């Protein structure tokens, strides 16, 4: 959900602005396949090149080429955005190689890649540019989704891997409080409601977890619900 939500938000926003277009949906499929390549290749890097993990990323690469190369032929300007995504992928693979794929810097790279996508899906939804350009809606979606998704990274750590660690709890609370303060200053009711909901989640659930067991499944369900709400409210805030 977190991987696709920003890209989908860009498509829906473009649809509302200019009407339906097939190109951003094609790009969304390419992005999903890129994620499959990254996820499977990361396991291969984590194993330091073990043969048992080689087949899956190769298969995904073949499928990605079959789906993505025609897109590149028709829209070669998309390659202008290849360098930042390549850097983020390299960071992810480096993290997997040294087995730090759950570190904050690795998570930040993954979140950044996901949150860059609405800049592209929105652009291709409203136009057929030679080179995808920056737009106010695309930048807005990048910023709002980055705040939400990195906040979710911190929250999940306070509930599972870093449960009970005061430094992570404080960092999560500060991040969410800054988000609420920022969006209150902006004055958008949808974003204020989203930030308030996420701050309540970030404060309440770790406090509950101090007194009773909160299973990872419950955390996962909470994340799915808040990710869905984030997608809807981010789109509403933009329109």
Protein backbone atom coordinates (compact mmCIF):
# COMPACT_ATOMS: atom_id res chain seq x y z
CA UNK A 1 0.00 0.00 0.00
CA UNK A 2 2.75 2.46 0.94
CA UNK A 3 4.66 1.69 -2.27
CA UNK A 4 1.73 2.41 -4.59
CA UNK A 5 -0.28 5.06 -2.73
CA UNK A 6 1.73 8.13 -3.79
CA UNK A 7 1.76 7.10 -7.45
CA UNK A 8 -1.97 6.37 -7.38
CA UNK A 9 -2.63 9.75 -5.76
CA UNK A 10 -0.80 11.45 -8.62
CA UNK A 11 -2.92 9.58 -11.16
CA UNK A 12 -6.22 10.39 -9.46
CA UNK A 13 -5.27 14.05 -9.06
CA UNK A 14 -4.34 14.26 -12.76
CA UNK A 15 -7.62 12.55 -13.66
CA UNK A 16 -9.51 15.20 -11.71
CA UNK A 17 -7.55 18.00 -13.38
CA UNK A 18 -7.54 16.85 -17.01
CA UNK A 19 -9.58 13.67 -17.36
CA UNK A 20 -8.64 10.04 -17.82
CA UNK A 21 -5.34 9.03 -19.46
CA UNK A 22 -3.79 5.60 -19.93
CA UNK A 23 -0.14 6.68 -19.72
CA UNK A 24 0.12 7.13 -15.92
CA UNK A 25 -1.52 3.73 -15.34
CA UNK A 26 1.08 2.15 -17.61
CA UNK A 27 3.74 3.95 -15.60
CA UNK A 28 2.16 2.64 -12.38
CA UNK A 29 2.51 -0.95 -13.64
CA UNK A 30 6.15 -0.25 -14.50
CA UNK A 31 6.69 1.15 -11.00
CA UNK A 32 5.13 -1.94 -9.40
CA UNK A 33 7.48 -4.13 -11.43
CA UNK A 34 10.43 -1.92 -10.42
CA UNK A 35 9.48 -2.54 -6.81
CA UNK A 36 9.34 -6.29 -7.44
CA UNK A 37 12.83 -6.14 -8.98
CA UNK A 38 14.15 -4.08 -6.07
CA UNK A 39 12.58 -6.30 -3.40
CA UNK A 40 13.80 -9.56 -4.91
CA UNK A 41 17.23 -8.17 -5.81
CA UNK A 42 17.63 -6.86 -2.25
CA UNK A 43 17.29 -10.42 -0.95
CA UNK A 44 19.95 -11.52 -3.44
CA UNK A 45 22.28 -8.75 -2.23
CA UNK A 46 21.55 -9.69 1.38
CA UNK A 47 22.62 -13.26 0.62
CA UNK A 48 25.83 -11.89 -0.97
CA UNK A 49 24.98 -13.34 -4.36
CA UNK A 50 23.61 -16.75 -3.43
CA UNK A 51 22.35 -18.62 -6.51
CA UNK A 52 19.05 -19.57 -4.85
CA UNK A 53 18.00 -15.90 -4.82
CA UNK A 54 19.08 -15.09 -8.38
CA UNK A 55 16.18 -16.45 -10.44
CA UNK A 56 13.40 -14.28 -9.05
CA UNK A 57 15.01 -10.87 -9.76
CA UNK A 58 16.02 -12.08 -13.23
CA UNK A 59 12.43 -13.05 -14.03
CA UNK A 60 11.13 -9.73 -12.75
CA UNK A 61 13.77 -7.89 -14.80
CA UNK A 62 12.63 -9.68 -17.95
CA UNK A 63 8.99 -8.81 -17.28
CA UNK A 64 9.94 -5.21 -16.46
CA UNK A 65 11.85 -4.92 -19.74
CA UNK A 66 8.90 -6.32 -21.67
CA UNK A 67 6.52 -3.81 -20.09
CA UNK A 68 8.86 -0.87 -19.54
CA UNK A 69 10.99 -0.66 -22.69
CA UNK A 70 8.01 0.25 -24.91
CA UNK A 71 7.20 3.01 -22.42
CA UNK A 72 10.77 4.33 -22.63
CA UNK A 73 10.69 4.20 -26.44
CA UNK A 74 7.49 6.27 -26.49
CA UNK A 75 8.52 8.54 -23.61
CA UNK A 76 12.35 8.72 -23.59
CA UNK A 77 12.26 11.82 -21.40
CA UNK A 78 11.48 9.59 -18.44
CA UNK A 79 15.19 8.69 -18.41
CA UNK A 80 15.95 12.19 -17.10
CA UNK A 81 14.57 10.92 -13.79
CA UNK A 82 16.67 7.76 -13.81
CA UNK A 83 19.65 9.18 -11.82
CA UNK A 84 17.78 9.95 -8.56
CA UNK A 85 16.01 6.59 -8.64
CA UNK A 86 19.31 4.83 -9.41
CA UNK A 87 20.94 6.50 -6.39
CA UNK A 88 18.05 5.47 -4.13
CA UNK A 89 18.19 1.91 -5.47
CA UNK A 90 21.95 1.79 -4.85
CA UNK A 91 21.40 2.92 -1.25
CA UNK A 92 18.80 0.18 -0.81
CA UNK A 93 21.07 -2.50 -2.27
CA UNK A 94 24.00 -1.31 -0.16
CA UNK A 95 21.82 -1.55 2.93
CA UNK A 96 20.84 -5.10 2.00
CA UNK A 97 24.48 -6.08 1.36
CA UNK A 98 25.53 -4.94 4.84
CA UNK A 99 22.25 -6.26 6.30
CA UNK A 100 21.02 -2.85 7.38
CA UNK A 101 17.88 -2.92 5.24
CA UNK A 102 15.75 -1.97 8.26
CA UNK A 103 17.91 1.02 9.20
CA UNK A 104 16.46 4.52 9.10
CA UNK A 105 18.67 5.56 6.18
CA UNK A 106 17.55 2.56 4.15
CA UNK A 107 13.91 3.23 5.02
CA UNK A 108 14.34 6.88 4.07
CA UNK A 109 15.65 5.87 0.63
CA UNK A 110 12.70 3.54 0.05
CA UNK A 111 10.19 6.17 1.17
CA UNK A 112 11.84 8.81 -1.02
CA UNK A 113 11.58 6.62 -4.11
CA UNK A 114 7.92 5.90 -3.47
CA UNK A 115 7.12 9.56 -2.82
CA UNK A 116 8.84 10.77 -5.99
CA UNK A 117 6.38 8.83 -8.13
CA UNK A 118 3.41 11.25 -7.97
CA UNK A 119 5.57 13.87 -9.67
CA UNK A 120 5.77 11.54 -12.66
CA UNK A 121 2.28 10.04 -12.64
CA UNK A 122 0.68 13.47 -12.28
CA UNK A 123 2.81 14.92 -15.07
CA UNK A 124 2.00 12.10 -17.50
CA UNK A 125 -1.65 12.27 -16.46
CA UNK A 126 -2.07 15.92 -17.49
CA UNK A 127 0.46 16.20 -20.31
CA UNK A 128 2.79 14.32 -22.68
CA UNK A 129 6.04 16.18 -21.95
CA UNK A 130 9.39 15.66 -23.62
CA UNK A 131 10.87 15.57 -20.12
CA UNK A 132 8.63 15.18 -17.04
CA UNK A 133 8.63 18.50 -15.21
CA UNK A 134 8.07 19.58 -11.63
CA UNK A 135 4.57 20.71 -10.78
CA UNK A 136 2.97 22.20 -7.69
CA UNK A 137 0.58 19.23 -7.24
CA UNK A 138 3.44 16.76 -7.72
CA UNK A 139 5.68 18.52 -5.21
CA UNK A 140 2.79 18.81 -2.74
CA UNK A 141 2.10 15.09 -2.96
CA UNK A 142 5.81 14.30 -2.54
CA UNK A 143 6.06 16.38 0.63
CA UNK A 144 2.83 15.21 2.23
CA UNK A 145 3.41 11.53 1.50
CA UNK A 146 7.03 11.73 2.68
CA UNK A 147 5.91 13.20 6.00
CA UNK A 148 3.26 10.50 6.39
CA UNK A 149 5.34 7.54 5.29
CA UNK A 150 8.52 8.32 7.21
CA UNK A 151 6.31 8.99 10.22
CA UNK A 152 4.93 5.49 9.71
CA UNK A 153 8.48 4.12 9.62
CA UNK A 154 9.17 5.67 13.02
CA UNK A 155 5.82 4.55 14.43
CA UNK A 156 6.25 0.92 13.35
CA UNK A 157 9.72 0.83 14.89
CA UNK A 158 8.30 2.01 18.22
CA UNK A 159 5.85 -0.89 18.09
CA UNK A 160 8.06 -3.76 16.93
CA UNK A 161 11.86 -3.66 16.49
CA UNK A 162 12.55 -0.66 18.73
CA UNK A 163 9.67 -1.18 21.11
CA UNK A 164 10.20 0.60 24.40
CA UNK A 165 13.20 2.64 23.21
CA UNK A 166 12.61 6.18 24.38
CA UNK A 167 14.69 7.78 21.61
CA UNK A 168 12.48 6.30 18.89
CA UNK A 169 9.28 7.16 20.71
CA UNK A 170 10.38 10.78 21.18
CA UNK A 171 11.50 11.01 17.53
CA UNK A 172 8.16 9.65 16.38
CA UNK A 173 6.19 12.07 18.55
CA UNK A 174 8.26 15.06 17.44
CA UNK A 175 7.92 14.09 13.76
CA UNK A 176 4.15 13.79 14.01
CA UNK A 177 3.82 16.96 16.08
CA UNK A 178 5.81 18.90 13.47
CA UNK A 179 3.57 17.45 10.78
CA UNK A 180 0.45 18.63 12.60
CA UNK A 181 1.93 22.08 13.27
CA UNK A 182 2.99 22.48 9.63
CA UNK A 183 -0.36 21.46 8.20
CA UNK A 184 -2.23 23.57 10.74
CA UNK A 185 -0.18 26.53 9.52
CA UNK A 186 -1.07 25.62 5.92
CA UNK A 187 -4.71 25.58 6.97
CA UNK A 188 -5.91 22.61 4.94
CA UNK A 189 -8.61 20.79 6.88
CA UNK A 190 -7.99 17.42 5.25
CA UNK A 191 -4.28 17.50 6.07
CA UNK A 192 -4.97 18.70 9.62
CA UNK A 193 -7.36 15.78 10.14
CA UNK A 194 -4.79 13.35 8.73
CA UNK A 195 -1.95 14.68 10.89
CA UNK A 196 -4.12 14.64 14.02
CA UNK A 197 -5.13 11.03 13.37
CA UNK A 198 -1.51 9.98 12.83
CA UNK A 199 -0.30 11.82 15.94
CA UNK A 200 -2.96 10.13 18.07
CA UNK A 201 -1.88 6.76 16.67
CA UNK A 202 1.81 7.51 17.28
CA UNK A 203 1.16 8.47 20.91
CA UNK A 204 -1.62 6.09 21.94
CA UNK A 205 -0.45 2.73 20.63
CA UNK A 206 3.08 2.78 22.12
CA UNK A 207 1.51 3.77 25.44
CA UNK A 208 -0.94 0.87 25.19
CA UNK A 209 1.93 -1.46 24.25
CA UNK A 210 3.66 -0.63 27.55
CA UNK A 211 0.80 -2.28 29.44
CA UNK A 212 -0.35 -5.05 27.14
CA UNK A 213 0.89 -6.96 24.12
CA UNK A 214 0.08 -5.43 20.75
CA UNK A 215 0.68 -8.04 18.07
CA UNK A 216 2.41 -7.18 14.77
CA UNK A 217 -0.82 -8.12 12.97
CA UNK A 218 -2.64 -5.34 14.81
CA UNK A 219 0.12 -2.90 13.86
CA UNK A 220 -0.13 -4.03 10.24
CA UNK A 221 -3.90 -3.55 10.17
CA UNK A 222 -3.49 -0.10 11.71
CA UNK A 223 -0.96 0.79 9.03
CA UNK A 224 -3.26 -0.40 6.26
CA UNK A 225 -6.13 1.70 7.60
CA UNK A 226 -4.00 4.82 8.04
CA UNK A 227 -2.36 4.35 4.62
CA UNK A 228 -5.79 4.15 3.01
CA UNK A 229 -6.93 7.25 4.91
CA UNK A 230 -3.72 9.02 3.90
CA UNK A 231 -4.34 8.25 0.22
CA UNK A 232 -7.90 9.56 0.36
CA UNK A 233 -7.17 12.66 2.43
CA UNK A 234 -4.08 13.61 0.43
CA UNK A 235 -6.11 13.51 -2.77
CA UNK A 236 -8.94 15.50 -1.18
CA UNK A 237 -6.46 18.09 0.09
CA UNK A 238 -5.14 18.65 -3.42
CA UNK A 239 -8.46 18.97 -5.22
